[in-house]
Amino acid sequence: MINAEGIKAFRGTMLITPKASDRAPFELTGDWVYKPDTGCWYSHGRSFPSTICLIIHDETAATYDPLP
């Protein structure tokens, strides 16, 4: 994840859990941007309040794979 001045960005999968009880949770994969002034994640031309979002896979996360 990239984090600069509160704005976060990553490529990966987010679990969206709608507050409406008749809507099932769903996953969206793509490029994500978080803007702290709105408290929302943005992807696919839509906005999602951070309270209903959970990052489940971050392809941009640094991984450490030591050499044998």
PDB file of N, CA and C in Angstrom:
ATOM      1  N   MET A   1       0.842  -1.173   0.000  1.00  0.00           N
ATOM      2  CA  MET A   1       0.000   0.000   0.000  1.00  0.00           C
ATOM      3  C   MET A   1       0.889   1.238   0.000  1.00  0.00           C
ATOM      4  N   ILE A   2       0.461   2.208  -0.734  1.00  0.00           N
ATOM      5  CA  ILE A   2       1.124   3.506  -0.774  1.00  0.00           C
ATOM      6  C   ILE A   2       0.352   4.418   0.172  1.00  0.00           C
ATOM      7  N   ASN A   3       1.060   5.153   1.018  1.00  0.00           N
ATOM      8  CA  ASN A   3       0.409   6.033   1.986  1.00  0.00           C
ATOM      9  C   ASN A   3       1.184   7.344   2.024  1.00  0.00           C
ATOM     10  N   ALA A   4       0.540   8.416   1.585  1.00  0.00           N
ATOM     11  CA  ALA A   4       1.174   9.732   1.582  1.00  0.00           C
ATOM     12  C   ALA A   4       0.157  10.784   2.014  1.00  0.00           C
ATOM     13  N   GLU A   5       0.474  11.474   3.069  1.00  0.00           N
ATOM     14  CA  GLU A   5      -0.375  12.550   3.595  1.00  0.00           C
ATOM     15  C   GLU A   5      -1.814  12.093   3.826  1.00  0.00           C
ATOM     16  N   GLY A   6      -1.971  10.854   4.318  1.00  0.00           N
ATOM     17  CA  GLY A   6      -3.292  10.333   4.640  1.00  0.00           C
ATOM     18  C   GLY A   6      -4.001   9.669   3.485  1.00  0.00           C
ATOM     19  N   ILE A   7      -3.563   9.952   2.260  1.00  0.00           N
ATOM     20  CA  ILE A   7      -4.169   9.306   1.093  1.00  0.00           C
ATOM     21  C   ILE A   7      -3.483   7.961   0.900  1.00  0.00           C
ATOM     22  N   LYS A   8      -4.298   6.919   0.793  1.00  0.00           N
ATOM     23  CA  LYS A   8      -3.774   5.563   0.631  1.00  0.00           C
ATOM     24  C   LYS A   8      -4.184   5.030  -0.724  1.00  0.00           C
ATOM     25  N   ALA A   9      -3.368   4.163  -1.284  1.00  0.00           N
ATOM     26  CA  ALA A   9      -3.693   3.550  -2.569  1.00  0.00           C
ATOM     27  C   ALA A   9      -3.087   2.154  -2.621  1.00  0.00           C
ATOM     28  N   PHE A  10      -3.796   1.253  -3.261  1.00  0.00           N
ATOM     29  CA  PHE A  10      -3.275  -0.088  -3.465  1.00  0.00           C
ATOM     30  C   PHE A  10      -4.038  -0.777  -4.587  1.00  0.00           C
ATOM     31  N   ARG A  11      -3.451  -1.844  -5.090  1.00  0.00           N
ATOM     32  CA  ARG A  11      -4.126  -2.706  -6.062  1.00  0.00           C
ATOM     33  C   ARG A  11      -4.394  -4.020  -5.350  1.00  0.00           C
ATOM     34  N   GLY A  12      -5.654  -4.436  -5.369  1.00  0.00           N
ATOM     35  CA  GLY A  12      -5.993  -5.677  -4.697  1.00  0.00           C
ATOM     36  C   GLY A  12      -7.495  -5.860  -4.566  1.00  0.00           C
ATOM     37  N   THR A  13      -7.884  -6.645  -3.559  1.00  0.00           N
ATOM     38  CA  THR A  13      -9.286  -7.016  -3.372  1.00  0.00           C
ATOM     39  C   THR A  13      -9.809  -6.476  -2.052  1.00  0.00           C
ATOM     40  N   MET A  14     -10.996  -5.911  -2.128  1.00  0.00           N
ATOM     41  CA  MET A  14     -11.671  -5.351  -0.955  1.00  0.00           C
ATOM     42  C   MET A  14     -12.969  -6.123  -0.747  1.00  0.00           C
ATOM     43  N   LEU A  15     -13.257  -6.455   0.523  1.00  0.00           N
ATOM     44  CA  LEU A  15     -14.537  -7.047   0.885  1.00  0.00           C
ATOM     45  C   LEU A  15     -15.456  -5.905   1.293  1.00  0.00           C
ATOM     46  N   ILE A  16     -16.589  -5.795   0.619  1.00  0.00           N
ATOM     47  CA  ILE A  16     -17.572  -4.753   0.902  1.00  0.00           C
ATOM     48  C   ILE A  16     -18.751  -5.414   1.616  1.00  0.00           C
ATOM     49  N   THR A  17     -19.072  -4.930   2.801  1.00  0.00           N
ATOM     50  CA  THR A  17     -20.198  -5.458   3.568  1.00  0.00           C
ATOM     51  C   THR A  17     -21.245  -4.358   3.704  1.00  0.00           C
ATOM     52  N   PRO A  18     -22.237  -4.371   2.809  1.00  0.00           N
ATOM     53  CA  PRO A  18     -23.264  -3.321   2.848  1.00  0.00           C
ATOM     54  C   PRO A  18     -24.014  -3.308   4.176  1.00  0.00           C
ATOM     55  N   LYS A  19     -24.422  -2.129   4.610  1.00  0.00           N
ATOM     56  CA  LYS A  19     -25.173  -2.008   5.863  1.00  0.00           C
ATOM     57  C   LYS A  19     -26.602  -2.498   5.715  1.00  0.00           C
ATOM     58  N   ALA A  20     -27.145  -2.459   4.503  1.00  0.00           N
ATOM     59  CA  ALA A  20     -28.506  -2.951   4.267  1.00  0.00           C
ATOM     60  C   ALA A  20     -28.516  -4.469   4.442  1.00  0.00           C
ATOM     61  N   SER A  21     -29.390  -4.961   5.306  1.00  0.00           N
ATOM     62  CA  SER A  21     -29.404  -6.380   5.640  1.00  0.00           C
ATOM     63  C   SER A  21     -29.806  -7.275   4.466  1.00  0.00           C
ATOM     64  N   ASP A  22     -30.433  -6.702   3.450  1.00  0.00           N
ATOM     65  CA  ASP A  22     -30.850  -7.518   2.311  1.00  0.00           C
ATOM     66  C   ASP A  22     -29.769  -7.638   1.237  1.00  0.00           C
ATOM     67  N   ARG A  23     -28.614  -7.007   1.457  1.00  0.00           N
ATOM     68  CA  ARG A  23     -27.499  -7.061   0.507  1.00  0.00           C
ATOM     69  C   ARG A  23     -26.382  -7.922   1.065  1.00  0.00           C
ATOM     70  N   ALA A  24     -25.932  -8.871   0.280  1.00  0.00           N
ATOM     71  CA  ALA A  24     -24.859  -9.773   0.698  1.00  0.00           C
ATOM     72  C   ALA A  24     -23.500  -9.104   0.514  1.00  0.00           C
ATOM     73  N   PRO A  25     -22.522  -9.449   1.363  1.00  0.00           N
ATOM     74  CA  PRO A  25     -21.161  -8.949   1.169  1.00  0.00           C
ATOM     75  C   PRO A  25     -20.628  -9.402  -0.198  1.00  0.00           C
ATOM     76  N   PHE A  26     -19.755  -8.587  -0.777  1.00  0.00           N
ATOM     77  CA  PHE A  26     -19.166  -8.943  -2.061  1.00  0.00           C
ATOM     78  C   PHE A  26     -17.734  -8.444  -2.118  1.00  0.00           C
ATOM     79  N   GLU A  27     -16.965  -9.013  -3.048  1.00  0.00           N
ATOM     80  CA  GLU A  27     -15.566  -8.635  -3.233  1.00  0.00           C
ATOM     81  C   GLU A  27     -15.410  -7.872  -4.538  1.00  0.00           C
ATOM     82  N   LEU A  28     -14.530  -6.878  -4.507  1.00  0.00           N
ATOM     83  CA  LEU A  28     -14.166  -6.122  -5.703  1.00  0.00           C
ATOM     84  C   LEU A  28     -12.648  -6.080  -5.799  1.00  0.00           C
ATOM     85  N   THR A  29     -12.130  -6.400  -6.962  1.00  0.00           N
ATOM     86  CA  THR A  29     -10.689  -6.363  -7.200  1.00  0.00           C
ATOM     87  C   THR A  29     -10.381  -5.246  -8.182  1.00  0.00           C
ATOM     88  N   GLY A  30      -9.353  -4.478  -7.861  1.00  0.00           N
ATOM     89  CA  GLY A  30      -8.958  -3.387  -8.746  1.00  0.00           C
ATOM     90  C   GLY A  30      -7.996  -2.448  -8.063  1.00  0.00           C
ATOM     91  N   ASP A  31      -7.902  -1.236  -8.575  1.00  0.00           N
ATOM     92  CA  ASP A  31      -7.073  -0.184  -7.988  1.00  0.00           C
ATOM     93  C   ASP A  31      -7.949   0.609  -7.021  1.00  0.00           C
ATOM     94  N   TRP A  32      -7.448   0.811  -5.812  1.00  0.00           N
ATOM     95  CA  TRP A  32      -8.206   1.480  -4.753  1.00  0.00           C
ATOM     96  C   TRP A  32      -7.478   2.725  -4.268  1.00  0.00           C
ATOM     97  N   VAL A  33      -8.247   3.769  -3.946  1.00  0.00           N
ATOM     98  CA  VAL A  33      -7.700   4.999  -3.368  1.00  0.00           C
ATOM     99  C   VAL A  33      -8.573   5.373  -2.180  1.00  0.00           C
ATOM    100  N   TYR A  34      -7.921   5.705  -1.055  1.00  0.00           N
ATOM    101  CA  TYR A  34      -8.634   6.162   0.137  1.00  0.00           C
ATOM    102  C   TYR A  34      -8.366   7.646   0.327  1.00  0.00           C
ATOM    103  N   LYS A  35      -9.437   8.430   0.501  1.00  0.00           N
ATOM    104  CA  LYS A  35      -9.293   9.863   0.740  1.00  0.00           C
ATOM    105  C   LYS A  35      -9.791  10.169   2.147  1.00  0.00           C
ATOM    106  N   PRO A  36      -8.894  10.644   3.021  1.00  0.00           N
ATOM    107  CA  PRO A  36      -9.273  10.873   4.417  1.00  0.00           C
ATOM    108  C   PRO A  36     -10.315  11.978   4.605  1.00  0.00           C
ATOM    109  N   ASP A  37     -10.375  12.941   3.692  1.00  0.00           N
ATOM    110  CA  ASP A  37     -11.349  14.025   3.852  1.00  0.00           C
ATOM    111  C   ASP A  37     -12.792  13.539   3.672  1.00  0.00           C
ATOM    112  N   THR A  38     -12.978  12.438   2.934  1.00  0.00           N
ATOM    113  CA  THR A  38     -14.318  11.876   2.760  1.00  0.00           C
ATOM    114  C   THR A  38     -14.526  10.604   3.573  1.00  0.00           C
ATOM    115  N   GLY A  39     -13.429   9.961   3.996  1.00  0.00           N
ATOM    116  CA  GLY A  39     -13.525   8.707   4.739  1.00  0.00           C
ATOM    117  C   GLY A  39     -13.991   7.554   3.873  1.00  0.00           C
ATOM    118  N   CYS A  40     -13.706   7.658   2.561  1.00  0.00           N
ATOM    119  CA  CYS A  40     -14.184   6.646   1.618  1.00  0.00           C
ATOM    120  C   CYS A  40     -13.045   6.042   0.804  1.00  0.00           C
ATOM    121  N   TRP A  41     -13.259   4.792   0.396  1.00  0.00           N
ATOM    122  CA  TRP A  41     -12.418   4.125  -0.588  1.00  0.00           C
ATOM    123  C   TRP A  41     -13.090   4.288  -1.947  1.00  0.00           C
ATOM    124  N   TYR A  42     -12.288   4.458  -2.991  1.00  0.00           N
ATOM    125  CA  TYR A  42     -12.799   4.644  -4.341  1.00  0.00           C
ATOM    126  C   TYR A  42     -12.206   3.597  -5.280  1.00  0.00           C
ATOM    127  N   SER A  43     -13.070   3.006  -6.109  1.00  0.00           N
ATOM    128  CA  SER A  43     -12.635   2.068  -7.138  1.00  0.00           C
ATOM    129  C   SER A  43     -13.791   1.838  -8.100  1.00  0.00           C
ATOM    130  N   HIS A  44     -13.487   1.519  -9.333  1.00  0.00           N
ATOM    131  CA  HIS A  44     -14.503   1.212 -10.344  1.00  0.00           C
ATOM    132  C   HIS A  44     -15.520   2.349 -10.498  1.00  0.00           C
ATOM    133  N   GLY A  45     -15.089   3.585 -10.292  1.00  0.00           N
ATOM    134  CA  GLY A  45     -15.977   4.731 -10.444  1.00  0.00           C
ATOM    135  C   GLY A  45     -17.023   4.855  -9.348  1.00  0.00           C
ATOM    136  N   ARG A  46     -16.806   4.186  -8.227  1.00  0.00           N
ATOM    137  CA  ARG A  46     -17.754   4.218  -7.106  1.00  0.00           C
ATOM    138  C   ARG A  46     -17.012   4.560  -5.822  1.00  0.00           C
ATOM    139  N   SER A  47     -17.760   5.008  -4.814  1.00  0.00           N
ATOM    140  CA  SER A  47     -17.170   5.272  -3.501  1.00  0.00           C
ATOM    141  C   SER A  47     -17.821   4.350  -2.474  1.00  0.00           C
ATOM    142  N   PHE A  48     -17.018   3.948  -1.479  1.00  0.00           N
ATOM    143  CA  PHE A  48     -17.468   3.054  -0.427  1.00  0.00           C
ATOM    144  C   PHE A  48     -16.978   3.594   0.912  1.00  0.00           C
ATOM    145  N   PRO A  49     -17.872   3.832   1.874  1.00  0.00           N
ATOM    146  CA  PRO A  49     -17.423   4.296   3.194  1.00  0.00           C
ATOM    147  C   PRO A  49     -16.440   3.286   3.795  1.00  0.00           C
ATOM    148  N   SER A  50     -15.409   3.791   4.421  1.00  0.00           N
ATOM    149  CA  SER A  50     -14.386   2.892   4.975  1.00  0.00           C
ATOM    150  C   SER A  50     -14.952   1.956   6.040  1.00  0.00           C
ATOM    151  N   THR A  51     -16.072   2.307   6.648  1.00  0.00           N
ATOM    152  CA  THR A  51     -16.671   1.467   7.688  1.00  0.00           C
ATOM    153  C   THR A  51     -17.244   0.163   7.146  1.00  0.00           C
ATOM    154  N   ILE A  52     -17.438   0.069   5.836  1.00  0.00           N
ATOM    155  CA  ILE A  52     -17.967  -1.176   5.270  1.00  0.00           C
ATOM    156  C   ILE A  52     -16.915  -1.917   4.441  1.00  0.00           C
ATOM    157  N   CYS A  53     -15.662  -1.454   4.487  1.00  0.00           N
ATOM    158  CA  CYS A  53     -14.590  -2.015   3.670  1.00  0.00           C
ATOM    159  C   CYS A  53     -13.571  -2.779   4.512  1.00  0.00           C
ATOM    160  N   LEU A  54     -13.089  -3.877   3.932  1.00  0.00           N
ATOM    161  CA  LEU A  54     -12.026  -4.651   4.559  1.00  0.00           C
ATOM    162  C   LEU A  54     -11.079  -5.121   3.460  1.00  0.00           C
ATOM    163  N   ILE A  55      -9.813  -4.734   3.563  1.00  0.00           N
ATOM    164  CA  ILE A  55      -8.818  -5.175   2.581  1.00  0.00           C
ATOM    165  C   ILE A  55      -8.539  -6.644   2.829  1.00  0.00           C
ATOM    166  N   ILE A  56      -8.751  -7.471   1.801  1.00  0.00           N
ATOM    167  CA  ILE A  56      -8.476  -8.892   1.984  1.00  0.00           C
ATOM    168  C   ILE A  56      -7.276  -9.369   1.176  1.00  0.00           C
ATOM    169  N   HIS A  57      -6.853  -8.567   0.191  1.00  0.00           N
ATOM    170  CA  HIS A  57      -5.645  -8.913  -0.561  1.00  0.00           C
ATOM    171  C   HIS A  57      -5.036  -7.635  -1.124  1.00  0.00           C
ATOM    172  N   ASP A  58      -3.784  -7.395  -0.779  1.00  0.00           N
ATOM    173  CA  ASP A  58      -3.063  -6.207  -1.245  1.00  0.00           C
ATOM    174  C   ASP A  58      -1.899  -6.666  -2.110  1.00  0.00           C
ATOM    175  N   GLU A  59      -2.049  -6.536  -3.431  1.00  0.00           N
ATOM    176  CA  GLU A  59      -0.990  -6.957  -4.359  1.00  0.00           C
ATOM    177  C   GLU A  59       0.226  -6.053  -4.292  1.00  0.00           C
ATOM    178  N   THR A  60       0.078  -4.861  -3.734  1.00  0.00           N
ATOM    179  CA  THR A  60       1.195  -3.917  -3.675  1.00  0.00           C
ATOM    180  C   THR A  60       1.968  -4.033  -2.366  1.00  0.00           C
ATOM    181  N   ALA A  61       1.530  -4.909  -1.460  1.00  0.00           N
ATOM    182  CA  ALA A  61       2.216  -5.061  -0.174  1.00  0.00           C
ATOM    183  C   ALA A  61       3.624  -5.595  -0.413  1.00  0.00           C
ATOM    184  N   ALA A  62       4.556  -5.025   0.300  1.00  0.00           N
ATOM    185  CA  ALA A  62       5.935  -5.497   0.210  1.00  0.00           C
ATOM    186  C   ALA A  62       6.042  -6.865   0.870  1.00  0.00           C
ATOM    187  N   THR A  63       6.696  -7.748   0.216  1.00  0.00           N
ATOM    188  CA  THR A  63       6.917  -9.077   0.791  1.00  0.00           C
ATOM    189  C   THR A  63       8.411  -9.295   0.935  1.00  0.00           C
ATOM    190  N   TYR A  64       8.784 -10.031   1.950  1.00  0.00           N
ATOM    191  CA  TYR A  64      10.187 -10.319   2.213  1.00  0.00           C
ATOM    192  C   TYR A  64      10.398 -11.791   2.004  1.00  0.00           C
ATOM    193  N   ASP A  65      11.230 -12.115   1.043  1.00  0.00           N
ATOM    194  CA  ASP A  65      11.533 -13.513   0.743  1.00  0.00           C
ATOM    195  C   ASP A  65      13.045 -13.672   0.806  1.00  0.00           C
ATOM    196  N   PRO A  66      13.557 -14.015   2.000  1.00  0.00           N
ATOM    197  CA  PRO A  66      15.024 -14.129   2.131  1.00  0.00           C
ATOM    198  C   PRO A  66      15.591 -15.234   1.258  1.00  0.00           C
ATOM    199  N   LEU A  67      16.775 -14.996   0.777  1.00  0.00           N
ATOM    200  CA  LEU A  67      17.451 -16.018  -0.024  1.00  0.00           C
ATOM    201  C   LEU A  67      17.871 -17.166   0.889  1.00  0.00           C
ATOM    202  N   PRO A  68      17.800 -18.390   0.379  1.00  0.00           N
ATOM    203  CA  PRO A  68      18.204 -19.546   1.214  1.00  0.00           C
ATOM    204  C   PRO A  68      19.668 -19.560   1.524  1.00  0.00           C
TER     205      PRO A  68
END
